[in-house]
Amino acid sequence: MVAEHSVKKNFSVTLRVWRQAGPNQPGKFVDYPATDISPDMSFLEMLDVVNDGLTKIGDEPIAFAHDCREGICGTCSCTINGKPHGPGKGIATCQVYMRSFGEGDVIVVEPFRARAFPLIKDLVTNREAFDKIQQAGGFISVRTGAAPDANSIPVPKEDADLAMDAASCIGCGACVAACKNASAMLFVAAKVSQLGLMPQGQPERDKRVLAMVKTMDEAGFGNCSNQYECSAVCPKLITHDFIARMNRDYLAALFRSNFKPVSGASDGGA
């Protein structure tokens, strides 16, 4: 006997959305009905439907950021019912499906809130601070790309796996939005580690971590208080262990930069 699977019918919810025309304009929550919603719609598809309705009646559509809609680009960042990216684990906002909600639910939607992520409009924030951190040290000088390079330097599998885990960071900013201090430590740790674990990343290792942490502080992100909200909401499940790794790298780099040997001292020269 084949078991029958119940199919969830279309339903209606109320969206309570943060509306703000610009960074220097007052903002407020506004309620919008979302009716006849398919449970198989993604959250962003539902917003598209709501915006179509607003456009037809001459109202301003809700501004939200999106690009790939495949959980890769990280631009779809918003807070749903108080949680960055909303319900679920290991997914971005664009991967949240309406079957996560029920008939008559009130869904509160707002932008990521952090001083370093100034609001542009409605649910869209400016996360150029992440770009500046990446530009400060997220690169290598070693020539790569030639086919023989892949086999010229053996890399332990554990290091390769860790580097790949760190490199999965999409820079969405959920870690910042979840942290009560708006810390960017998980993002920076991932970007530092993905290169620092590889042989090709060693020439700039000290310079990289010092520059990226300095840029992070200058951008106005807060301090890490080791409560790990960041890793709990990360859509790529990046572990907070990378923060400890980065802290060790930072202290070692700081020590070496402050205590460089004087020329000639090592051989007893004057």
C-alpha atoms as a PDB file:
ATOM      1  CA  MET A   1       0.000   0.000   0.000  1.00  0.00           C
ATOM      2  CA  VAL A   2       1.426   3.391  -1.013  1.00  0.00           C
ATOM      3  CA  ALA A   3       1.211   6.027   1.681  1.00  0.00           C
ATOM      4  CA  GLU A   4      -0.599   9.199   0.707  1.00  0.00           C
ATOM      5  CA  HIS A   5       1.376  12.407   1.064  1.00  0.00           C
ATOM      6  CA  SER A   6      -0.553  15.477   2.081  1.00  0.00           C
ATOM      7  CA  VAL A   7      -0.037  18.488  -0.174  1.00  0.00           C
ATOM      8  CA  LYS A   8       0.054  21.842   1.541  1.00  0.00           C
ATOM      9  CA  LYS A   9      -2.427  24.232  -0.049  1.00  0.00           C
ATOM     10  CA  ASN A  10      -1.826  27.852  -0.953  1.00  0.00           C
ATOM     11  CA  PHE A  11      -2.156  30.149   2.035  1.00  0.00           C
ATOM     12  CA  SER A  12      -1.937  33.771   3.121  1.00  0.00           C
ATOM     13  CA  VAL A  13       0.433  35.598   5.452  1.00  0.00           C
ATOM     14  CA  THR A  14       1.043  39.163   6.537  1.00  0.00           C
ATOM     15  CA  LEU A  15       4.417  40.737   5.820  1.00  0.00           C
ATOM     16  CA  ARG A  16       5.593  43.345   8.315  1.00  0.00           C
ATOM     17  CA  VAL A  17       8.364  44.995   6.306  1.00  0.00           C
ATOM     18  CA  TRP A  18      10.818  47.728   7.251  1.00  0.00           C
ATOM     19  CA  ARG A  19      10.363  50.612   4.800  1.00  0.00           C
ATOM     20  CA  GLN A  20      12.914  53.399   4.617  1.00  0.00           C
ATOM     21  CA  ALA A  21      13.319  55.596   1.548  1.00  0.00           C
ATOM     22  CA  GLY A  22      16.977  56.348   2.159  1.00  0.00           C
ATOM     23  CA  PRO A  23      19.791  56.355   4.715  1.00  0.00           C
ATOM     24  CA  ASN A  24      18.833  59.757   6.123  1.00  0.00           C
ATOM     25  CA  GLN A  25      15.079  59.210   5.992  1.00  0.00           C
ATOM     26  CA  PRO A  26      12.858  57.987   8.838  1.00  0.00           C
ATOM     27  CA  GLY A  27      11.837  54.345   8.654  1.00  0.00           C
ATOM     28  CA  LYS A  28       8.937  52.270   9.902  1.00  0.00           C
ATOM     29  CA  PHE A  29       7.336  48.846   9.658  1.00  0.00           C
ATOM     30  CA  VAL A  30       4.469  48.546   7.183  1.00  0.00           C
ATOM     31  CA  ASP A  31       2.101  45.577   6.906  1.00  0.00           C
ATOM     32  CA  TYR A  32       1.330  44.006   3.530  1.00  0.00           C
ATOM     33  CA  PRO A  33      -0.948  41.039   2.801  1.00  0.00           C
ATOM     34  CA  ALA A  34       0.588  38.184   0.836  1.00  0.00           C
ATOM     35  CA  THR A  35      -2.322  36.091  -0.407  1.00  0.00           C
ATOM     36  CA  ASP A  36      -2.652  32.801  -2.274  1.00  0.00           C
ATOM     37  CA  ILE A  37       1.015  31.991  -1.678  1.00  0.00           C
ATOM     38  CA  SER A  38       2.318  28.643  -2.874  1.00  0.00           C
ATOM     39  CA  PRO A  39       4.254  26.732  -0.220  1.00  0.00           C
ATOM     40  CA  ASP A  40       6.815  25.902  -2.910  1.00  0.00           C
ATOM     41  CA  MET A  41       7.672  29.559  -3.517  1.00  0.00           C
ATOM     42  CA  SER A  42      10.997  30.799  -2.255  1.00  0.00           C
ATOM     43  CA  PHE A  43      10.899  33.792   0.058  1.00  0.00           C
ATOM     44  CA  LEU A  44      12.191  36.057  -2.701  1.00  0.00           C
ATOM     45  CA  GLU A  45       9.599  34.767  -5.166  1.00  0.00           C
ATOM     46  CA  MET A  46       6.955  35.664  -2.610  1.00  0.00           C
ATOM     47  CA  LEU A  47       8.429  39.174  -2.366  1.00  0.00           C
ATOM     48  CA  ASP A  48       8.261  39.398  -6.164  1.00  0.00           C
ATOM     49  CA  VAL A  49       4.547  38.592  -6.027  1.00  0.00           C
ATOM     50  CA  VAL A  50       3.941  41.194  -3.328  1.00  0.00           C
ATOM     51  CA  ASN A  51       5.891  43.795  -5.312  1.00  0.00           C
ATOM     52  CA  ASP A  52       3.877  43.042  -8.453  1.00  0.00           C
ATOM     53  CA  GLY A  53       0.746  43.770  -6.468  1.00  0.00           C
ATOM     54  CA  LEU A  54       2.175  47.007  -5.073  1.00  0.00           C
ATOM     55  CA  THR A  55       3.211  48.143  -8.552  1.00  0.00           C
ATOM     56  CA  LYS A  56      -0.269  47.519  -9.952  1.00  0.00           C
ATOM     57  CA  ILE A  57      -1.860  49.785  -7.356  1.00  0.00           C
ATOM     58  CA  GLY A  58       0.789  52.478  -7.791  1.00  0.00           C
ATOM     59  CA  ASP A  59       2.702  51.899  -4.539  1.00  0.00           C
ATOM     60  CA  GLU A  60       6.483  51.810  -4.224  1.00  0.00           C
ATOM     61  CA  PRO A  61       7.797  48.208  -4.410  1.00  0.00           C
ATOM     62  CA  ILE A  62       9.844  46.836  -1.518  1.00  0.00           C
ATOM     63  CA  ALA A  63      13.545  47.223  -2.281  1.00  0.00           C
ATOM     64  CA  PHE A  64      15.566  44.082  -1.616  1.00  0.00           C
ATOM     65  CA  ALA A  65      18.891  42.821  -2.943  1.00  0.00           C
ATOM     66  CA  HIS A  66      19.231  39.626  -4.966  1.00  0.00           C
ATOM     67  CA  ASP A  67      21.283  38.119  -7.738  1.00  0.00           C
ATOM     68  CA  CYS A  68      21.881  34.396  -8.209  1.00  0.00           C
ATOM     69  CA  ARG A  69      19.021  33.132  -6.024  1.00  0.00           C
ATOM     70  CA  GLU A  70      21.017  29.953  -5.531  1.00  0.00           C
ATOM     71  CA  GLY A  71      22.601  30.615  -2.130  1.00  0.00           C
ATOM     72  CA  ILE A  72      25.943  31.567  -3.669  1.00  0.00           C
ATOM     73  CA  CYS A  73      26.180  35.339  -4.131  1.00  0.00           C
ATOM     74  CA  GLY A  74      25.205  36.409  -0.596  1.00  0.00           C
ATOM     75  CA  THR A  75      23.299  39.512  -1.714  1.00  0.00           C
ATOM     76  CA  CYS A  76      19.838  38.366  -0.535  1.00  0.00           C
ATOM     77  CA  SER A  77      20.654  39.163   3.073  1.00  0.00           C
ATOM     78  CA  CYS A  78      17.769  40.194   5.289  1.00  0.00           C
ATOM     79  CA  THR A  79      16.464  39.338   8.736  1.00  0.00           C
ATOM     80  CA  ILE A  80      13.287  37.270   8.953  1.00  0.00           C
ATOM     81  CA  ASN A  81      11.481  37.051  12.296  1.00  0.00           C
ATOM     82  CA  GLY A  82      14.604  38.215  14.102  1.00  0.00           C
ATOM     83  CA  LYS A  83      17.015  35.741  12.503  1.00  0.00           C
ATOM     84  CA  PRO A  84      19.463  36.594   9.712  1.00  0.00           C
ATOM     85  CA  HIS A  85      18.335  34.654   6.612  1.00  0.00           C
ATOM     86  CA  GLY A  86      15.289  33.385   8.499  1.00  0.00           C
ATOM     87  CA  PRO A  87      14.275  29.856   9.510  1.00  0.00           C
ATOM     88  CA  GLY A  88      16.373  26.883   8.585  1.00  0.00           C
ATOM     89  CA  LYS A  89      20.050  26.091   8.950  1.00  0.00           C
ATOM     90  CA  GLY A  90      22.794  26.384   6.380  1.00  0.00           C
ATOM     91  CA  ILE A  91      20.694  28.355   3.891  1.00  0.00           C
ATOM     92  CA  ALA A  92      20.506  31.920   2.599  1.00  0.00           C
ATOM     93  CA  THR A  93      17.328  33.996   2.378  1.00  0.00           C
ATOM     94  CA  CYS A  94      16.758  32.938  -1.230  1.00  0.00           C
ATOM     95  CA  GLN A  95      16.690  29.290  -0.124  1.00  0.00           C
ATOM     96  CA  VAL A  96      13.942  29.803   2.457  1.00  0.00           C
ATOM     97  CA  TYR A  97      10.664  28.361   1.179  1.00  0.00           C
ATOM     98  CA  MET A  98       7.214  29.517   2.171  1.00  0.00           C
ATOM     99  CA  ARG A  99       6.345  26.049   3.471  1.00  0.00           C
ATOM    100  CA  SER A 100       8.378  27.119   6.517  1.00  0.00           C
ATOM    101  CA  PHE A 101       5.419  29.346   7.467  1.00  0.00           C
ATOM    102  CA  GLY A 102       1.749  28.767   8.116  1.00  0.00           C
ATOM    103  CA  GLU A 103      -1.632  30.271   7.378  1.00  0.00           C
ATOM    104  CA  GLY A 104      -2.086  33.682   8.991  1.00  0.00           C
ATOM    105  CA  ASP A 105       1.534  34.066  10.140  1.00  0.00           C
ATOM    106  CA  VAL A 106       2.921  37.556  10.576  1.00  0.00           C
ATOM    107  CA  ILE A 107       6.429  37.580   9.102  1.00  0.00           C
ATOM    108  CA  VAL A 108       8.683  40.431  10.180  1.00  0.00           C
ATOM    109  CA  VAL A 109      11.273  41.348   7.549  1.00  0.00           C
ATOM    110  CA  GLU A 110      14.025  43.896   8.108  1.00  0.00           C
ATOM    111  CA  PRO A 111      17.546  44.682   6.891  1.00  0.00           C
ATOM    112  CA  PHE A 112      20.768  43.552   8.518  1.00  0.00           C
ATOM    113  CA  ARG A 113      21.504  46.102  11.203  1.00  0.00           C
ATOM    114  CA  ALA A 114      25.095  47.119  11.906  1.00  0.00           C
ATOM    115  CA  ARG A 115      26.909  50.442  11.944  1.00  0.00           C
ATOM    116  CA  ALA A 116      29.345  49.151   9.344  1.00  0.00           C
ATOM    117  CA  PHE A 117      26.418  48.174   7.062  1.00  0.00           C
ATOM    118  CA  PRO A 118      24.648  51.511   6.455  1.00  0.00           C
ATOM    119  CA  LEU A 119      21.152  51.192   5.065  1.00  0.00           C
ATOM    120  CA  ILE A 120      20.553  52.156   1.445  1.00  0.00           C
ATOM    121  CA  LYS A 121      16.807  51.564   1.130  1.00  0.00           C
ATOM    122  CA  ASP A 122      14.232  49.267   2.732  1.00  0.00           C
ATOM    123  CA  LEU A 123      15.947  45.851   3.000  1.00  0.00           C
ATOM    124  CA  VAL A 124      19.139  46.835   1.156  1.00  0.00           C
ATOM    125  CA  THR A 125      22.332  47.638   3.052  1.00  0.00           C
ATOM    126  CA  ASN A 126      25.768  48.778   1.921  1.00  0.00           C
ATOM    127  CA  ARG A 127      28.339  46.093   2.707  1.00  0.00           C
ATOM    128  CA  GLU A 128      31.322  47.711   1.007  1.00  0.00           C
ATOM    129  CA  ALA A 129      33.156  47.350   4.330  1.00  0.00           C
ATOM    130  CA  PHE A 130      33.575  43.656   3.516  1.00  0.00           C
ATOM    131  CA  ASP A 131      35.075  44.572   0.145  1.00  0.00           C
ATOM    132  CA  LYS A 132      37.594  46.873   1.822  1.00  0.00           C
ATOM    133  CA  ILE A 133      38.634  44.126   4.235  1.00  0.00           C
ATOM    134  CA  GLN A 134      39.117  41.720   1.343  1.00  0.00           C
ATOM    135  CA  GLN A 135      41.116  44.285  -0.625  1.00  0.00           C
ATOM    136  CA  ALA A 136      43.386  44.876   2.359  1.00  0.00           C
ATOM    137  CA  GLY A 137      44.853  41.384   2.272  1.00  0.00           C
ATOM    138  CA  GLY A 138      42.746  38.809   0.479  1.00  0.00           C
ATOM    139  CA  PHE A 139      45.237  38.071  -2.258  1.00  0.00           C
ATOM    140  CA  ILE A 140      48.484  36.249  -3.000  1.00  0.00           C
ATOM    141  CA  SER A 141      51.548  37.218  -5.030  1.00  0.00           C
ATOM    142  CA  VAL A 142      52.571  33.683  -5.984  1.00  0.00           C
ATOM    143  CA  ARG A 143      51.965  32.905  -9.642  1.00  0.00           C
ATOM    144  CA  THR A 144      49.166  30.385 -10.004  1.00  0.00           C
ATOM    145  CA  GLY A 145      47.083  29.013 -12.815  1.00  0.00           C
ATOM    146  CA  ALA A 146      49.682  27.029 -14.744  1.00  0.00           C
ATOM    147  CA  ALA A 147      48.853  23.327 -14.900  1.00  0.00           C
ATOM    148  CA  PRO A 148      52.097  22.054 -13.266  1.00  0.00           C
ATOM    149  CA  ASP A 149      51.446  24.194 -10.187  1.00  0.00           C
ATOM    150  CA  ALA A 150      48.748  21.834  -8.977  1.00  0.00           C
ATOM    151  CA  ASN A 151      51.253  19.070  -8.274  1.00  0.00           C
ATOM    152  CA  SER A 152      54.398  21.058  -7.495  1.00  0.00           C
ATOM    153  CA  ILE A 153      53.689  21.568  -3.768  1.00  0.00           C
ATOM    154  CA  PRO A 154      51.965  18.776  -1.831  1.00  0.00           C
ATOM    155  CA  VAL A 155      49.179  20.039   0.437  1.00  0.00           C
ATOM    156  CA  PRO A 156      47.982  17.897   3.363  1.00  0.00           C
ATOM    157  CA  LYS A 157      44.366  16.861   2.855  1.00  0.00           C
ATOM    158  CA  GLU A 158      43.352  18.244   6.243  1.00  0.00           C
ATOM    159  CA  ASP A 159      44.675  21.684   5.295  1.00  0.00           C
ATOM    160  CA  ALA A 160      43.070  21.512   1.865  1.00  0.00           C
ATOM    161  CA  ASP A 161      39.706  20.571   3.368  1.00  0.00           C
ATOM    162  CA  LEU A 162      39.882  23.366   5.947  1.00  0.00           C
ATOM    163  CA  ALA A 163      40.839  25.889   3.286  1.00  0.00           C
ATOM    164  CA  MET A 164      37.862  24.827   1.181  1.00  0.00           C
ATOM    165  CA  ASP A 165      35.555  25.141   4.183  1.00  0.00           C
ATOM    166  CA  ALA A 166      36.807  28.690   4.817  1.00  0.00           C
ATOM    167  CA  ALA A 167      36.579  29.590   1.130  1.00  0.00           C
ATOM    168  CA  SER A 168      32.873  28.722   1.100  1.00  0.00           C
ATOM    169  CA  CYS A 169      32.139  32.060   2.812  1.00  0.00           C
ATOM    170  CA  ILE A 170      29.887  34.130   0.538  1.00  0.00           C
ATOM    171  CA  GLY A 171      30.326  37.395   2.430  1.00  0.00           C
ATOM    172  CA  CYS A 172      26.623  37.791   3.116  1.00  0.00           C
ATOM    173  CA  GLY A 173      27.074  39.489   6.489  1.00  0.00           C
ATOM    174  CA  ALA A 174      24.749  37.244   8.501  1.00  0.00           C
ATOM    175  CA  CYS A 175      27.518  36.752  11.061  1.00  0.00           C
ATOM    176  CA  VAL A 176      27.631  40.505  11.651  1.00  0.00           C
ATOM    177  CA  ALA A 177      23.851  40.841  11.854  1.00  0.00           C
ATOM    178  CA  ALA A 178      23.566  38.022  14.393  1.00  0.00           C
ATOM    179  CA  CYS A 179      26.320  39.277  16.706  1.00  0.00           C
ATOM    180  CA  LYS A 180      25.247  41.654  19.472  1.00  0.00           C
ATOM    181  CA  ASN A 181      28.522  43.521  18.909  1.00  0.00           C
ATOM    182  CA  ALA A 182      28.214  43.465  15.098  1.00  0.00           C
ATOM    183  CA  SER A 183      31.557  41.686  14.910  1.00  0.00           C
ATOM    184  CA  ALA A 184      32.975  40.619  11.550  1.00  0.00           C
ATOM    185  CA  MET A 185      35.418  38.139  13.045  1.00  0.00           C
ATOM    186  CA  LEU A 186      33.937  35.060  11.355  1.00  0.00           C
ATOM    187  CA  PHE A 187      34.069  36.667   7.909  1.00  0.00           C
ATOM    188  CA  VAL A 188      37.625  37.927   8.389  1.00  0.00           C
ATOM    189  CA  ALA A 189      38.771  34.630   9.911  1.00  0.00           C
ATOM    190  CA  ALA A 190      37.416  32.711   6.931  1.00  0.00           C
ATOM    191  CA  LYS A 191      39.114  34.992   4.425  1.00  0.00           C
ATOM    192  CA  VAL A 192      42.410  34.925   6.329  1.00  0.00           C
ATOM    193  CA  SER A 193      42.320  31.151   6.784  1.00  0.00           C
ATOM    194  CA  GLN A 194      41.450  30.147   3.239  1.00  0.00           C
ATOM    195  CA  LEU A 195      44.754  31.644   2.058  1.00  0.00           C
ATOM    196  CA  GLY A 196      46.810  31.132   5.215  1.00  0.00           C
ATOM    197  CA  LEU A 197      46.290  27.364   5.095  1.00  0.00           C
ATOM    198  CA  MET A 198      47.780  27.088   1.615  1.00  0.00           C
ATOM    199  CA  PRO A 199      51.505  27.124   0.746  1.00  0.00           C
ATOM    200  CA  GLN A 200      50.839  29.828  -1.842  1.00  0.00           C
ATOM    201  CA  GLY A 201      49.444  32.086   0.874  1.00  0.00           C
ATOM    202  CA  GLN A 202      52.529  32.079   3.078  1.00  0.00           C
ATOM    203  CA  PRO A 203      54.491  35.073   1.645  1.00  0.00           C
ATOM    204  CA  GLU A 204      51.777  37.560   2.746  1.00  0.00           C
ATOM    205  CA  ARG A 205      50.580  35.595   5.775  1.00  0.00           C
ATOM    206  CA  ASP A 206      51.617  38.086   8.471  1.00  0.00           C
ATOM    207  CA  LYS A 207      50.874  41.158   6.380  1.00  0.00           C
ATOM    208  CA  ARG A 208      47.480  39.754   5.432  1.00  0.00           C
ATOM    209  CA  VAL A 209      46.120  39.108   8.896  1.00  0.00           C
ATOM    210  CA  LEU A 210      47.417  42.399  10.298  1.00  0.00           C
ATOM    211  CA  ALA A 211      45.984  44.432   7.419  1.00  0.00           C
ATOM    212  CA  MET A 212      42.600  42.717   7.356  1.00  0.00           C
ATOM    213  CA  VAL A 213      42.075  42.980  11.121  1.00  0.00           C
ATOM    214  CA  LYS A 214      43.133  46.641  11.051  1.00  0.00           C
ATOM    215  CA  THR A 215      40.695  47.373   8.237  1.00  0.00           C
ATOM    216  CA  MET A 216      37.936  45.516  10.083  1.00  0.00           C
ATOM    217  CA  ASP A 217      38.448  47.678  13.161  1.00  0.00           C
ATOM    218  CA  GLU A 218      38.555  50.875  11.114  1.00  0.00           C
ATOM    219  CA  ALA A 219      35.263  49.967   9.432  1.00  0.00           C
ATOM    220  CA  GLY A 220      33.478  50.066  12.793  1.00  0.00           C
ATOM    221  CA  PHE A 221      32.764  46.396  13.427  1.00  0.00           C
ATOM    222  CA  GLY A 222      32.552  45.379  17.094  1.00  0.00           C
ATOM    223  CA  ASN A 223      34.621  42.937  19.109  1.00  0.00           C
ATOM    224  CA  CYS A 224      34.039  39.200  19.309  1.00  0.00           C
ATOM    225  CA  SER A 225      32.640  38.018  22.643  1.00  0.00           C
ATOM    226  CA  ASN A 226      32.774  34.289  21.800  1.00  0.00           C
ATOM    227  CA  GLN A 227      29.043  33.604  21.909  1.00  0.00           C
ATOM    228  CA  TYR A 228      29.052  32.109  18.409  1.00  0.00           C
ATOM    229  CA  GLU A 229      25.801  33.502  17.077  1.00  0.00           C
ATOM    230  CA  CYS A 230      27.847  34.041  13.928  1.00  0.00           C
ATOM    231  CA  SER A 231      28.460  30.391  13.131  1.00  0.00           C
ATOM    232  CA  ALA A 232      24.897  29.479  14.156  1.00  0.00           C
ATOM    233  CA  VAL A 233      23.397  31.591  11.350  1.00  0.00           C
ATOM    234  CA  CYS A 234      26.118  31.170   8.716  1.00  0.00           C
ATOM    235  CA  PRO A 235      24.465  29.879   5.515  1.00  0.00           C
ATOM    236  CA  LYS A 236      27.643  27.932   4.721  1.00  0.00           C
ATOM    237  CA  LEU A 237      28.025  26.523   8.254  1.00  0.00           C
ATOM    238  CA  ILE A 238      31.512  27.980   8.677  1.00  0.00           C
ATOM    239  CA  THR A 239      32.796  27.049  12.109  1.00  0.00           C
ATOM    240  CA  HIS A 240      33.889  29.604  14.696  1.00  0.00           C
ATOM    241  CA  ASP A 241      37.080  27.532  15.103  1.00  0.00           C
ATOM    242  CA  PHE A 242      38.473  29.711  12.319  1.00  0.00           C
ATOM    243  CA  ILE A 243      38.289  32.700  14.677  1.00  0.00           C
ATOM    244  CA  ALA A 244      40.660  30.990  17.120  1.00  0.00           C
ATOM    245  CA  ARG A 245      42.971  30.134  14.219  1.00  0.00           C
ATOM    246  CA  MET A 246      42.998  33.741  13.063  1.00  0.00           C
ATOM    247  CA  ASN A 247      43.658  35.031  16.581  1.00  0.00           C
ATOM    248  CA  ARG A 248      46.737  32.807  16.804  1.00  0.00           C
ATOM    249  CA  ASP A 249      47.943  34.014  13.418  1.00  0.00           C
ATOM    250  CA  TYR A 250      47.328  37.627  14.421  1.00  0.00           C
ATOM    251  CA  LEU A 251      49.265  37.385  17.691  1.00  0.00           C
ATOM    252  CA  ALA A 252      52.161  35.619  15.985  1.00  0.00           C
ATOM    253  CA  ALA A 253      52.253  38.220  13.205  1.00  0.00           C
ATOM    254  CA  LEU A 254      52.071  41.054  15.724  1.00  0.00           C
ATOM    255  CA  PHE A 255      54.963  39.581  17.702  1.00  0.00           C
ATOM    256  CA  ARG A 256      57.110  39.154  14.616  1.00  0.00           C
ATOM    257  CA  SER A 257      56.355  42.660  13.377  1.00  0.00           C
ATOM    258  CA  ASN A 258      57.289  44.228  16.723  1.00  0.00           C
ATOM    259  CA  PHE A 259      60.417  42.165  17.344  1.00  0.00           C
ATOM    260  CA  LYS A 260      62.196  41.938  14.038  1.00  0.00           C
ATOM    261  CA  PRO A 261      65.900  41.113  14.509  1.00  0.00           C
ATOM    262  CA  VAL A 262      68.296  44.009  14.102  1.00  0.00           C
ATOM    263  CA  SER A 263      70.543  43.685  11.053  1.00  0.00           C
ATOM    264  CA  GLY A 264      73.760  41.870  12.007  1.00  0.00           C
ATOM    265  CA  ALA A 265      72.518  40.878  15.459  1.00  0.00           C
ATOM    266  CA  SER A 266      72.134  37.204  14.563  1.00  0.00           C
ATOM    267  CA  ASP A 267      75.835  36.810  13.775  1.00  0.00           C
ATOM    268  CA  GLY A 268      77.146  38.995  16.555  1.00  0.00           C
ATOM    269  CA  GLY A 269      77.821  41.965  14.314  1.00  0.00           C
ATOM    270  CA  ALA A 270      77.741  45.487  15.642  1.00  0.00           C
END
